[in-house]
Amino acid sequence: MTNPPMSLPDHIQHYIDGVLVDSVDGATFDVLEPTTNRAYITCSSGSQADVDLAVGHQDEHLLGDLVVD
């Protein structure tokens, strides 16, 4: 892809709890254009720590919705 679409950011992040964030450990990987095998964007690389962060935020929201009489 000589000219990637203008709507693409330079870096793709995780979307956790309504916020775009990098990986907890800062790890990334290159996204390659399949016909040239050249990197044209980087992406945050998810790990168990990122999953734990996302699930932890989800649990907070779910537990916050519980009403106990």
Protein backbone atom coordinates (compact mmCIF):
# COMPACT_ATOMS: atom_id res chain seq x y z
CA MET A 1 0.00 0.00 0.00
CA THR A 2 1.91 2.96 -1.27
CA ASN A 3 -0.59 5.41 0.17
CA PRO A 4 -2.55 4.08 3.13
CA PRO A 5 -6.06 5.50 3.58
CA MET A 6 -5.95 8.95 5.11
CA SER A 7 -8.47 7.94 7.76
CA LEU A 8 -5.99 5.53 9.41
CA PRO A 9 -4.09 6.73 12.47
CA ASP A 10 -0.32 6.19 12.71
CA HIS A 11 -0.87 3.86 15.66
CA ILE A 12 -3.82 1.67 16.68
CA GLN A 13 -4.50 1.46 20.41
CA HIS A 14 -6.73 -0.66 22.63
CA TYR A 15 -10.16 0.71 23.53
CA ILE A 16 -10.62 0.05 27.25
CA ASP A 17 -13.28 1.67 29.41
CA GLY A 18 -14.08 4.27 26.75
CA VAL A 19 -10.47 5.39 26.33
CA LEU A 20 -7.82 4.62 23.71
CA VAL A 21 -4.75 3.27 25.52
CA ASP A 22 -1.42 1.70 24.64
CA SER A 23 -0.53 -1.78 25.85
CA VAL A 24 0.34 -1.98 29.54
CA ASP A 25 3.91 -3.03 28.67
CA GLY A 26 4.16 -0.67 25.68
CA ALA A 27 4.58 -3.56 23.20
CA THR A 28 3.57 -2.98 19.59
CA PHE A 29 3.69 -4.80 16.28
CA ASP A 30 3.84 -3.62 12.70
CA VAL A 31 0.83 -4.00 10.42
CA LEU A 32 2.06 -5.05 7.00
CA GLU A 33 0.61 -4.20 3.63
CA PRO A 34 0.09 -7.64 2.08
CA THR A 35 1.28 -6.92 -1.46
CA THR A 36 4.53 -5.18 -0.51
CA ASN A 37 5.13 -6.66 2.96
CA ARG A 38 5.99 -3.17 4.21
CA ALA A 39 4.86 -1.80 7.56
CA TYR A 40 2.43 1.09 7.25
CA ILE A 41 1.03 1.34 10.78
CA THR A 42 1.81 0.09 14.29
CA CYS A 43 -0.64 -1.54 16.63
CA SER A 44 -0.64 -2.01 20.39
CA SER A 45 0.06 -5.64 21.17
CA GLY A 46 -2.32 -7.10 23.74
CA SER A 47 -1.11 -9.27 26.59
CA GLN A 48 -2.68 -10.87 29.64
CA ALA A 49 -2.15 -7.60 31.53
CA ASP A 50 -4.27 -5.74 28.94
CA VAL A 51 -7.03 -8.36 29.17
CA ASP A 52 -6.95 -8.15 32.97
CA LEU A 53 -7.23 -4.36 32.78
CA ALA A 54 -10.19 -4.51 30.40
CA VAL A 55 -11.97 -7.23 32.38
CA GLY A 56 -11.35 -5.36 35.63
CA HIS A 57 -13.02 -2.25 34.25
CA GLN A 58 -15.93 -4.32 32.93
CA ASP A 59 -16.38 -5.95 36.34
CA GLU A 60 -16.47 -2.49 37.98
CA HIS A 61 -19.25 -1.41 35.62
CA LEU A 62 -21.24 -4.59 36.09
CA LEU A 63 -20.92 -4.52 39.86
CA GLY A 64 -21.80 -0.83 39.89
CA ASP A 65 -25.10 -1.67 38.19
CA LEU A 66 -26.11 -4.17 40.89
CA VAL A 67 -28.69 -2.92 43.33
CA VAL A 68 -28.92 -4.79 46.61
CA ASP A 69 -31.95 -4.19 48.82
